[in-house]
Amino acid sequence: MLNSKPLIKELKKTLSPENVLTTVEECYAYAQDASNSKEVKNLPDAVVFVKTVEEVQRVINNARRYKIPVICRGAGTNVVGACRVVHGGIILNFSKMNKILDINPENMMARVQPGVVLGDLQKAVEDVGLFYPPDPSNLKVSTVGGSIAQASGGAKSFKYGTTKDYVLDLQVVMADGRILRTGSNTVKNATGYNLSPLFIGSEGTLGVVTEATLKLIPKPEAKKVLMAYFDTVDGAIQAVNMIIEQKVFPATIDFMDKNAIQTVEKFYPAGLLCDKDCALVIEVDGFESAIEYQQKIIEDILHRCNASQIDVSHNDEEYERIWTARRSSMGACAKLKPNVTTDDVIVPRENLAKLILGIRKICEKYNLTACLVGHVGDGSVHPQIPIDYNDEDEYRRFKLAKSEIYDLTARLGGILSGEHGIGAEKREHISKVINGVALDYMRLIKKTFDPDNILNPYKIF
């Protein structure tokens, strides 16, 4: 058991008392994240809200002095247990460090604090004609700091890339309390080692991000979304490949299988066709003059691949209806049983159909329902599996299925996460896809940056 009382006493002295929570009820509220894991049993020793980088330094310096872990938390929407407490510690909450510090249209950059909500950032930059593409499904609540910690992506990652492609510079409080700047305010930087990627996806295990400078791009003039239904997964994936072969580059090529379509339509009616095996959600954007050209090529390919119906948005309302349906899959799936898990596996696109059909087969083997969605343009699949954690047999079957899904992913040349991270949920499986020498160097980097192992310990490894 950690002796955190001296640290908590110190924090209450240096921070305002209302920003240090210690009651069981208060700590319980921050003990869980969206991974909703059955294994969660530990509470943080305290939850600390910070507003400035100086306050973050005080927390880190005191935590190092008392050898107490510090676990950063944004909105707690990650699905891999990345901000859960494993063996006690301090939750460092950034919800009050949430300012957009600067938007520079000339340099096309934004400087933000980690608690800024992604959806708010997107709206703010679009108001000045710019665009921040990373768009995870929970962007209305998830934060910039969390997206950096998890290297998050989203539906538009196929065309525009993920968070890692938009970080120019980070301000990071290191485990020794010093402040590190990882990059520059320029779009190119070949001056020394590129440190920013080390922190993107590190899940708060190497340092605490307190500010980010992000690259912006011009806002597309127009956009349109198509939803195409197929009778087979193979037909849908063939269409994906043919679209890419034709050098058409949609902003998004997303996927919903029959279970996902039916579940969404049951709880959030959007007029989806529930008798089809799967559907593709394809967004095109760019200059108004190019939209019709892209749409024509894509529709021709969809018909050639035997799409049974193609719905096209003609206004903002229809656009939002289709995207609301796609983004509602997790929430709809959560209504099927008391608990729901979502995963994030990715393979080379040539093996995508094998992955989707293999996941279906595994879940059928263990008598589990799987609603499959994903960003199939880049080979990513999110199996959403509703279960009841109080059903011991079902939970046992789920754990077996999960392990087999990871084995399948490894055999198909894939990895365990394209945008969600590893956290506590997948750490025991990471060696299935990561070379042992690479893991040794990852541990060495962790030891170098955090010799006392106080920054979000017991995650990734």
Protein backbone atom coordinates (compact mmCIF):
# COMPACT_ATOMS: atom_id res chain seq x y z
CA MET A 1 0.00 0.00 0.00
CA LEU A 2 1.38 3.40 -0.98
CA ASN A 3 1.89 5.98 1.74
CA SER A 4 0.42 8.91 -0.14
CA LYS A 5 -0.69 10.95 2.87
CA PRO A 6 2.45 13.16 2.98
CA LEU A 7 2.09 13.91 -0.74
CA ILE A 8 -1.60 14.74 -0.44
CA LYS A 9 -0.87 17.02 2.50
CA GLU A 10 1.82 18.75 0.43
CA LEU A 11 -0.50 19.16 -2.55
CA LYS A 12 -3.24 20.70 -0.44
CA LYS A 13 -0.69 23.26 0.72
CA THR A 14 0.54 24.19 -2.75
CA LEU A 15 -2.77 23.90 -4.63
CA SER A 16 -6.18 25.21 -3.65
CA PRO A 17 -8.07 22.63 -1.50
CA GLU A 18 -10.99 22.39 -3.92
CA ASN A 19 -8.58 21.08 -6.57
CA VAL A 20 -7.46 18.09 -4.48
CA LEU A 21 -10.15 15.41 -4.08
CA THR A 22 -9.60 12.59 -1.59
CA THR A 23 -12.91 11.11 -0.46
CA VAL A 24 -13.80 7.58 -1.53
CA GLU A 25 -16.78 8.85 -3.50
CA GLU A 26 -14.71 11.48 -5.32
CA CYS A 27 -11.89 9.06 -6.14
CA TYR A 28 -14.32 6.36 -7.27
CA ALA A 29 -15.70 8.72 -9.91
CA TYR A 30 -12.24 8.87 -11.52
CA ALA A 31 -11.24 5.21 -11.11
CA GLN A 32 -12.75 4.08 -14.40
CA ASP A 33 -12.49 4.99 -18.05
CA ALA A 34 -14.36 3.89 -21.17
CA SER A 35 -12.62 0.50 -21.14
CA ASN A 36 -15.20 -0.41 -18.48
CA SER A 37 -12.99 -3.31 -17.38
CA LYS A 38 -14.10 -5.96 -14.94
CA GLU A 39 -10.60 -6.01 -13.46
CA VAL A 40 -10.77 -2.45 -12.11
CA LYS A 41 -10.68 -2.58 -8.32
CA ASN A 42 -8.21 0.13 -7.29
CA LEU A 43 -9.00 3.75 -6.48
CA PRO A 44 -6.60 6.66 -6.86
CA ASP A 45 -5.26 8.10 -3.62
CA ALA A 46 -6.31 11.55 -4.79
CA VAL A 47 -7.57 13.42 -7.86
CA VAL A 48 -5.76 16.69 -8.55
CA PHE A 49 -7.02 19.39 -10.93
CA VAL A 50 -4.34 21.63 -12.46
CA LYS A 51 -4.63 24.92 -14.33
CA THR A 52 -1.02 25.87 -15.12
CA VAL A 53 2.24 24.24 -16.11
CA GLU A 54 3.72 25.42 -12.81
CA GLU A 55 1.07 23.47 -10.91
CA VAL A 56 1.88 20.39 -12.98
CA GLN A 57 5.55 20.79 -12.05
CA ARG A 58 4.66 20.98 -8.36
CA VAL A 59 2.66 17.76 -8.58
CA ILE A 60 5.42 15.93 -10.46
CA ASN A 61 8.20 17.15 -8.19
CA ASN A 62 6.30 16.13 -5.07
CA ALA A 63 5.29 12.79 -6.58
CA ARG A 64 8.93 12.04 -7.40
CA ARG A 65 9.94 12.98 -3.87
CA TYR A 66 7.45 10.54 -2.34
CA LYS A 67 7.71 7.93 -5.14
CA ILE A 68 3.96 8.09 -5.83
CA PRO A 69 2.63 7.40 -9.37
CA VAL A 70 0.96 10.14 -11.41
CA ILE A 71 -1.68 9.16 -13.98
CA CYS A 72 -2.84 11.83 -16.44
CA ARG A 73 -6.52 12.05 -17.31
CA GLY A 74 -8.39 14.02 -19.95
CA ALA A 75 -12.02 13.06 -20.49
CA GLY A 76 -11.44 9.40 -19.59
CA THR A 77 -12.84 8.22 -22.93
CA ASN A 78 -9.99 5.87 -23.84
CA VAL A 79 -10.97 2.21 -24.17
CA VAL A 80 -7.76 0.45 -23.09
CA GLY A 81 -7.49 1.37 -19.41
CA ALA A 82 -4.78 3.95 -20.14
CA CYS A 83 -5.80 6.28 -17.30
CA ARG A 84 -6.82 3.68 -14.74
CA VAL A 85 -4.95 3.34 -11.48
CA VAL A 86 -3.28 -0.05 -11.12
CA HIS A 87 -1.53 0.20 -7.74
CA GLY A 88 -2.55 3.55 -6.29
CA GLY A 89 -1.38 7.03 -7.22
CA ILE A 90 -2.53 10.52 -8.11
CA ILE A 91 -4.93 11.22 -10.99
CA LEU A 92 -3.77 14.42 -12.69
CA ASN A 93 -6.95 15.87 -14.20
CA PHE A 94 -6.65 18.41 -17.04
CA SER A 95 -10.30 19.42 -17.40
CA LYS A 96 -9.49 22.90 -16.02
CA MET A 97 -6.45 23.35 -18.29
CA ASN A 98 -8.62 23.74 -21.36
CA LYS A 99 -7.77 26.96 -23.18
CA ILE A 100 -7.20 27.47 -26.88
CA LEU A 101 -4.20 29.76 -26.46
CA ASP A 102 -3.80 30.89 -30.05
CA ILE A 103 -5.05 30.25 -33.57
CA ASN A 104 -2.70 31.66 -36.19
CA PRO A 105 -4.37 31.71 -39.64
CA GLU A 106 -1.21 33.00 -41.35
CA ASN A 107 0.99 30.17 -40.10
CA MET A 108 -1.97 27.74 -40.03
CA MET A 109 -1.24 26.62 -36.47
CA ALA A 110 -3.10 26.36 -33.18
CA ARG A 111 -1.56 26.38 -29.72
CA VAL A 112 -3.72 24.64 -27.11
CA GLN A 113 -3.74 23.26 -23.59
CA PRO A 114 -4.29 19.51 -23.13
CA GLY A 115 -7.83 19.77 -21.77
CA VAL A 116 -9.25 21.37 -24.93
CA VAL A 117 -12.11 19.28 -26.34
CA LEU A 118 -11.39 18.16 -29.90
CA GLY A 119 -14.83 19.11 -31.19
CA ASP A 120 -14.43 22.63 -29.77
CA LEU A 121 -11.02 22.96 -31.42
CA GLN A 122 -12.40 21.85 -34.76
CA LYS A 123 -15.23 24.39 -34.60
CA ALA A 124 -12.90 27.20 -33.56
CA VAL A 125 -10.47 26.67 -36.44
CA GLU A 126 -13.26 26.14 -38.98
CA ASP A 127 -14.65 29.53 -38.01
CA VAL A 128 -11.49 31.06 -39.54
CA GLY A 129 -11.53 28.82 -42.61
CA LEU A 130 -9.09 26.18 -41.35
CA PHE A 131 -9.35 22.49 -40.59
CA TYR A 132 -8.00 20.09 -37.92
CA PRO A 133 -8.71 16.63 -39.40
CA PRO A 134 -8.23 14.07 -36.56
CA ASP A 135 -11.81 13.11 -35.65
CA PRO A 136 -12.29 10.19 -33.25
CA SER A 137 -15.92 9.17 -32.82
CA ASN A 138 -16.02 10.72 -29.34
CA LEU A 139 -14.61 14.09 -30.48
CA LYS A 140 -17.45 15.96 -28.76
CA VAL A 141 -15.96 15.04 -25.38
CA SER A 142 -12.43 13.68 -25.91
CA THR A 143 -9.49 16.03 -25.43
CA VAL A 144 -6.33 17.05 -27.25
CA GLY A 145 -4.13 15.67 -24.47
CA GLY A 146 -5.86 12.32 -24.60
CA SER A 147 -5.64 12.17 -28.39
CA ILE A 148 -1.89 12.81 -28.17
CA ALA A 149 -1.44 10.23 -25.42
CA GLN A 150 -3.28 7.58 -27.45
CA ALA A 151 -2.16 8.69 -30.95
CA SER A 152 -5.83 8.76 -31.89
CA GLY A 153 -7.14 8.86 -35.42
CA GLY A 154 -10.67 8.72 -36.73
CA ALA A 155 -12.69 8.34 -39.87
CA LYS A 156 -10.73 10.94 -41.84
CA SER A 157 -7.37 9.31 -41.11
CA PHE A 158 -7.49 7.53 -44.48
CA LYS A 159 -6.91 10.77 -46.38
CA TYR A 160 -5.56 13.14 -43.77
CA GLY A 161 -3.61 10.99 -41.32
CA THR A 162 -3.82 10.80 -37.53
CA THR A 163 -2.84 12.99 -34.59
CA LYS A 164 0.87 12.26 -35.10
CA ASP A 165 0.73 14.03 -38.47
CA TYR A 166 -0.45 17.32 -36.93
CA VAL A 167 1.77 17.80 -33.88
CA LEU A 168 4.51 20.37 -34.50
CA ASP A 169 5.64 20.98 -30.94
CA LEU A 170 4.85 19.82 -27.42
CA GLN A 171 5.57 21.33 -24.04
CA VAL A 172 6.19 18.41 -21.70
CA VAL A 173 6.87 18.28 -17.96
CA MET A 174 9.37 15.48 -17.50
CA ALA A 175 9.59 13.09 -14.56
CA ASP A 176 12.38 15.23 -13.03
CA GLY A 177 10.16 18.33 -13.19
CA ARG A 178 12.00 20.02 -16.05
CA ILE A 179 10.17 21.41 -19.07
CA LEU A 180 10.97 19.95 -22.49
CA ARG A 181 10.05 21.41 -25.88
CA THR A 182 9.95 18.67 -28.50
CA GLY A 183 9.71 20.59 -31.79
CA SER A 184 9.25 24.05 -33.26
CA ASN A 185 6.72 26.48 -34.70
CA THR A 186 7.69 25.52 -38.24
CA VAL A 187 6.12 22.88 -40.48
CA LYS A 188 9.52 21.32 -41.19
CA ASN A 189 12.21 20.51 -38.67
CA ALA A 190 15.34 18.43 -39.33
CA THR A 191 17.29 19.88 -36.44
CA GLY A 192 18.38 17.03 -34.20
CA TYR A 193 16.25 14.09 -33.07
CA ASN A 194 12.51 14.35 -33.66
CA LEU A 195 11.24 13.92 -30.10
CA SER A 196 7.54 14.63 -30.64
CA PRO A 197 6.67 11.11 -31.91
CA LEU A 198 8.09 9.60 -28.71
CA PHE A 199 5.34 11.27 -26.71
CA ILE A 200 2.52 10.75 -29.21
CA GLY A 201 1.04 7.39 -28.24
CA SER A 202 3.17 7.05 -25.09
CA GLU A 203 0.02 7.17 -22.90
CA GLY A 204 1.62 9.54 -20.39
CA THR A 205 4.39 7.08 -19.51
CA LEU A 206 7.29 9.32 -20.61
CA GLY A 207 6.19 12.84 -19.71
CA VAL A 208 3.18 15.06 -19.08
CA VAL A 209 2.03 17.11 -22.07
CA THR A 210 0.96 20.59 -20.96
CA GLU A 211 0.72 22.37 -24.31
CA ALA A 212 0.60 21.42 -27.99
CA THR A 213 1.24 23.34 -31.17
CA LEU A 214 -0.84 21.76 -33.94
CA LYS A 215 -0.70 22.06 -37.70
CA LEU A 216 -3.88 23.16 -39.46
CA ILE A 217 -4.84 22.90 -43.12
CA PRO A 218 -7.34 24.78 -45.31
CA LYS A 219 -10.95 23.81 -44.73
CA PRO A 220 -12.36 21.85 -47.69
CA GLU A 221 -14.81 23.91 -49.72
CA ALA A 222 -17.42 21.16 -49.96
CA LYS A 223 -18.14 17.64 -48.76
CA LYS A 224 -20.59 14.85 -49.45
CA VAL A 225 -21.12 11.39 -47.98
CA LEU A 226 -22.29 8.20 -49.67
CA MET A 227 -23.59 5.07 -47.92
CA ALA A 228 -23.41 1.93 -50.06
CA TYR A 229 -24.92 -1.40 -49.01
CA PHE A 230 -23.54 -4.83 -49.96
CA ASP A 231 -24.69 -8.43 -49.69
CA THR A 232 -21.16 -9.68 -48.92
CA VAL A 233 -18.08 -8.42 -47.09
CA ASP A 234 -15.92 -9.46 -50.05
CA GLY A 235 -17.92 -7.19 -52.36
CA ALA A 236 -17.47 -4.22 -50.03
CA ILE A 237 -13.73 -4.74 -49.65
CA GLN A 238 -13.34 -5.20 -53.40
CA ALA A 239 -14.99 -1.80 -53.82
CA VAL A 240 -12.56 -0.25 -51.32
CA ASN A 241 -9.58 -1.59 -53.23
CA MET A 242 -10.93 -0.52 -56.62
CA ILE A 243 -11.61 3.03 -55.40
CA ILE A 244 -8.02 3.35 -54.21
CA GLU A 245 -6.66 1.78 -57.42
CA GLN A 246 -8.52 4.46 -59.43
CA LYS A 247 -6.48 7.11 -57.58
CA VAL A 248 -9.62 8.55 -56.04
CA PHE A 249 -8.83 9.58 -52.50
CA PRO A 250 -11.96 9.97 -50.34
CA ALA A 251 -11.69 11.65 -46.97
CA THR A 252 -13.24 8.55 -45.41
CA ILE A 253 -13.94 4.93 -46.25
CA ASP A 254 -15.70 3.47 -43.20
CA PHE A 255 -17.47 0.16 -42.66
CA MET A 256 -20.50 -1.16 -40.76
CA ASP A 257 -21.50 -4.82 -40.71
CA LYS A 258 -25.03 -6.16 -40.48
CA ASN A 259 -25.05 -6.40 -36.67
CA ALA A 260 -23.87 -2.80 -36.36
CA ILE A 261 -26.43 -1.54 -38.88
CA GLN A 262 -29.31 -3.36 -37.18
CA THR A 263 -28.25 -2.29 -33.69
CA VAL A 264 -27.93 1.38 -34.66
CA GLU A 265 -31.27 1.37 -36.47
CA LYS A 266 -32.99 -0.23 -33.47
CA PHE A 267 -31.91 2.42 -30.99
CA TYR A 268 -31.19 5.46 -33.19
CA PRO A 269 -33.42 5.14 -36.28
CA ALA A 270 -31.75 6.70 -39.30
CA GLY A 271 -33.40 4.85 -42.16
CA LEU A 272 -30.60 2.29 -42.57
CA LEU A 273 -31.18 -0.89 -44.60
CA CYS A 274 -31.10 -3.71 -42.06
CA ASP A 275 -31.25 -6.68 -44.44
CA LYS A 276 -27.81 -6.09 -45.98
CA ASP A 277 -24.61 -7.82 -44.87
CA CYS A 278 -22.61 -4.60 -44.58
CA ALA A 279 -22.24 -1.01 -45.74
CA LEU A 280 -19.50 1.44 -46.66
CA VAL A 281 -19.63 5.08 -45.56
CA ILE A 282 -17.59 7.12 -48.04
CA GLU A 283 -16.99 10.84 -47.74
CA VAL A 284 -15.55 12.97 -50.52
CA ASP A 285 -14.40 16.53 -49.98
CA GLY A 286 -12.46 19.30 -51.67
CA PHE A 287 -13.38 21.94 -54.22
CA GLU A 288 -17.04 22.05 -55.16
CA SER A 289 -16.15 21.48 -58.81
CA ALA A 290 -14.39 18.20 -57.98
CA ILE A 291 -17.07 16.65 -55.77
CA GLU A 292 -19.35 15.57 -58.61
CA TYR A 293 -16.40 14.05 -60.49
CA GLN A 294 -15.28 12.01 -57.46
CA GLN A 295 -18.85 10.92 -56.75
CA LYS A 296 -19.36 9.69 -60.32
CA ILE A 297 -16.21 7.53 -60.27
CA ILE A 298 -17.03 6.09 -56.84
CA GLU A 299 -20.65 5.32 -57.69
CA ASP A 300 -19.54 3.54 -60.88
CA ILE A 301 -17.14 1.36 -58.88
CA LEU A 302 -19.78 0.63 -56.23
CA HIS A 303 -22.23 -0.53 -58.90
CA ARG A 304 -19.55 -2.71 -60.54
CA CYS A 305 -18.95 -4.34 -57.14
CA ASN A 306 -22.66 -5.09 -56.82
CA ALA A 307 -23.67 -2.49 -54.27
CA SER A 308 -27.39 -3.12 -53.79
CA GLN A 309 -28.22 0.48 -52.86
CA ILE A 310 -26.34 3.78 -52.65
CA ASP A 311 -27.61 6.69 -50.57
CA VAL A 312 -26.03 10.11 -51.17
CA SER A 313 -26.30 13.19 -48.96
CA HIS A 314 -27.72 16.25 -50.73
CA ASN A 315 -27.69 18.67 -47.81
CA ASP A 316 -26.26 19.11 -44.30
CA GLU A 317 -29.18 17.30 -42.69
CA GLU A 318 -28.68 14.16 -44.77
CA TYR A 319 -24.91 14.36 -44.25
CA GLU A 320 -25.34 14.53 -40.48
CA ARG A 321 -27.90 11.71 -40.47
CA ILE A 322 -25.49 9.27 -42.07
CA TRP A 323 -22.57 10.27 -39.89
CA THR A 324 -24.67 10.25 -36.71
CA ALA A 325 -25.66 6.68 -37.54
CA ARG A 326 -22.04 5.62 -38.02
CA ARG A 327 -20.83 7.37 -34.87
CA SER A 328 -23.70 5.93 -32.82
CA SER A 329 -22.58 2.32 -33.18
CA MET A 330 -20.80 2.15 -29.81
CA GLY A 331 -23.67 3.79 -27.93
CA ALA A 332 -26.22 1.55 -29.61
CA CYS A 333 -24.16 -1.56 -28.89
CA ALA A 334 -23.97 -0.54 -25.23
CA LYS A 335 -27.77 -0.91 -24.99
CA LEU A 336 -27.64 -4.64 -25.78
CA LYS A 337 -26.05 -5.75 -22.51
CA PRO A 338 -24.83 -4.20 -19.23
CA ASN A 339 -21.28 -3.82 -20.59
CA VAL A 340 -19.69 -3.29 -23.99
CA THR A 341 -16.09 -3.54 -25.14
CA THR A 342 -14.57 -2.10 -28.27
CA ASP A 343 -11.25 -3.04 -29.79
CA ASP A 344 -8.91 -1.67 -32.41
CA VAL A 345 -6.99 -4.03 -34.69
CA ILE A 346 -5.47 -3.17 -38.03
CA VAL A 347 -3.97 -5.24 -40.86
CA PRO A 348 -2.59 -4.58 -44.33
CA ARG A 349 -5.61 -3.83 -46.50
CA GLU A 350 -5.02 -6.94 -48.62
CA ASN A 351 -5.94 -9.02 -45.55
CA LEU A 352 -8.91 -6.92 -44.46
CA ALA A 353 -11.68 -9.28 -45.58
CA LYS A 354 -9.90 -12.18 -43.85
CA LEU A 355 -9.76 -10.15 -40.63
CA ILE A 356 -13.45 -9.18 -40.70
CA LEU A 357 -14.66 -12.68 -41.55
CA GLY A 358 -12.21 -14.20 -39.05
CA ILE A 359 -13.47 -12.00 -36.22
CA ARG A 360 -17.03 -13.00 -37.07
CA LYS A 361 -16.06 -16.67 -36.97
CA ILE A 362 -14.26 -16.33 -33.63
CA CYS A 363 -17.22 -14.56 -32.03
CA GLU A 364 -19.62 -17.16 -33.37
CA LYS A 365 -17.37 -19.88 -31.95
CA TYR A 366 -17.67 -18.36 -28.47
CA ASN A 367 -21.36 -17.43 -28.84
CA LEU A 368 -20.70 -13.68 -28.67
CA THR A 369 -22.39 -10.88 -30.58
CA ALA A 370 -19.96 -8.65 -32.47
CA CYS A 371 -20.91 -5.37 -34.12
CA LEU A 372 -18.08 -4.62 -36.53
CA VAL A 373 -17.24 -1.10 -37.66
CA GLY A 374 -13.99 0.43 -38.75
CA HIS A 375 -11.94 2.69 -40.96
CA VAL A 376 -11.41 0.11 -43.68
CA GLY A 377 -9.65 2.48 -46.03
CA ASP A 378 -6.55 1.99 -43.89
CA GLY A 379 -7.29 -1.58 -42.75
CA SER A 380 -8.70 -0.77 -39.30
CA VAL A 381 -11.54 -2.74 -37.66
CA HIS A 382 -13.29 -2.04 -34.35
CA PRO A 383 -15.09 -5.13 -32.99
CA GLN A 384 -17.72 -3.92 -30.50
CA ILE A 385 -18.80 -6.78 -28.26
CA PRO A 386 -21.66 -6.39 -25.73
CA ILE A 387 -21.31 -8.68 -22.70
CA ASP A 388 -22.41 -9.04 -19.08
CA TYR A 389 -19.39 -8.98 -16.77
CA ASN A 390 -21.47 -10.64 -14.05
CA ASP A 391 -21.91 -13.68 -16.28
CA GLU A 392 -18.69 -15.55 -15.46
CA ASP A 393 -19.01 -17.97 -18.36
CA GLU A 394 -19.66 -15.23 -20.90
CA TYR A 395 -16.73 -13.21 -19.58
CA ARG A 396 -14.46 -16.28 -19.85
CA ARG A 397 -15.58 -16.78 -23.45
CA PHE A 398 -14.96 -13.12 -24.20
CA LYS A 399 -11.37 -13.29 -22.90
CA LEU A 400 -10.70 -16.35 -25.06
CA ALA A 401 -12.19 -14.67 -28.13
CA LYS A 402 -10.17 -11.52 -27.51
CA SER A 403 -6.92 -13.49 -27.40
CA GLU A 404 -7.82 -15.34 -30.62
CA ILE A 405 -8.65 -12.05 -32.38
CA TYR A 406 -5.18 -10.79 -31.50
CA ASP A 407 -3.62 -14.06 -32.70
CA LEU A 408 -5.51 -13.73 -35.99
CA THR A 409 -4.38 -10.12 -36.36
CA ALA A 410 -0.76 -11.15 -35.83
CA ARG A 411 -1.00 -13.95 -38.41
CA LEU A 412 -2.38 -11.48 -40.95
CA GLY A 413 0.59 -9.17 -40.46
CA GLY A 414 -1.28 -6.61 -38.38
CA ILE A 415 -0.88 -4.82 -35.06
CA LEU A 416 -3.02 -4.55 -31.94
CA SER A 417 -3.83 -0.86 -32.17
CA GLY A 418 -3.98 1.70 -34.92
CA GLU A 419 -5.43 4.53 -32.82
CA HIS A 420 -6.61 3.40 -29.37
CA GLY A 421 -3.34 2.47 -27.68
CA ILE A 422 -2.35 -0.47 -25.46
CA GLY A 423 -2.90 0.70 -21.88
CA ALA A 424 -3.59 -1.99 -19.29
CA GLU A 425 -6.00 -3.97 -21.47
CA LYS A 426 -3.60 -5.20 -24.16
CA ARG A 427 -0.20 -5.17 -22.46
CA GLU A 428 -0.13 -8.95 -21.98
CA HIS A 429 -0.62 -9.42 -25.74
CA ILE A 430 1.83 -6.83 -27.10
CA SER A 431 4.61 -9.37 -27.62
CA LYS A 432 2.43 -11.10 -30.24
CA VAL A 433 3.10 -8.26 -32.68
CA ILE A 434 6.16 -6.37 -31.40
CA ASN A 435 9.69 -7.70 -31.78
CA GLY A 436 11.41 -8.58 -28.48
CA VAL A 437 14.36 -6.31 -29.23
CA ALA A 438 11.96 -3.43 -29.91
CA LEU A 439 10.25 -4.06 -26.58
CA ASP A 440 13.63 -4.04 -24.83
CA TYR A 441 14.41 -0.62 -26.30
CA MET A 442 10.95 0.66 -25.39
CA ARG A 443 11.56 -0.34 -21.79
CA LEU A 444 14.97 1.31 -21.93
CA ILE A 445 13.41 4.54 -23.19
CA LYS A 446 10.87 4.38 -20.35
CA LYS A 447 13.66 3.86 -17.80
CA THR A 448 15.67 6.76 -19.25
CA PHE A 449 12.78 9.22 -19.22
CA ASP A 450 11.19 8.02 -15.97
CA PRO A 451 13.80 6.27 -13.78
CA ASP A 452 11.54 6.19 -10.72
CA ASN A 453 8.60 4.75 -12.70
CA ILE A 454 6.13 7.34 -11.43
CA LEU A 455 4.52 8.28 -14.77
CA ASN A 456 1.51 6.06 -15.46
CA PRO A 457 3.26 2.81 -14.50
CA TYR A 458 2.03 -0.68 -15.50
CA LYS A 459 0.78 0.51 -18.89
CA ILE A 460 1.87 -0.74 -22.35
CA PHE A 461 4.33 -3.27 -20.85
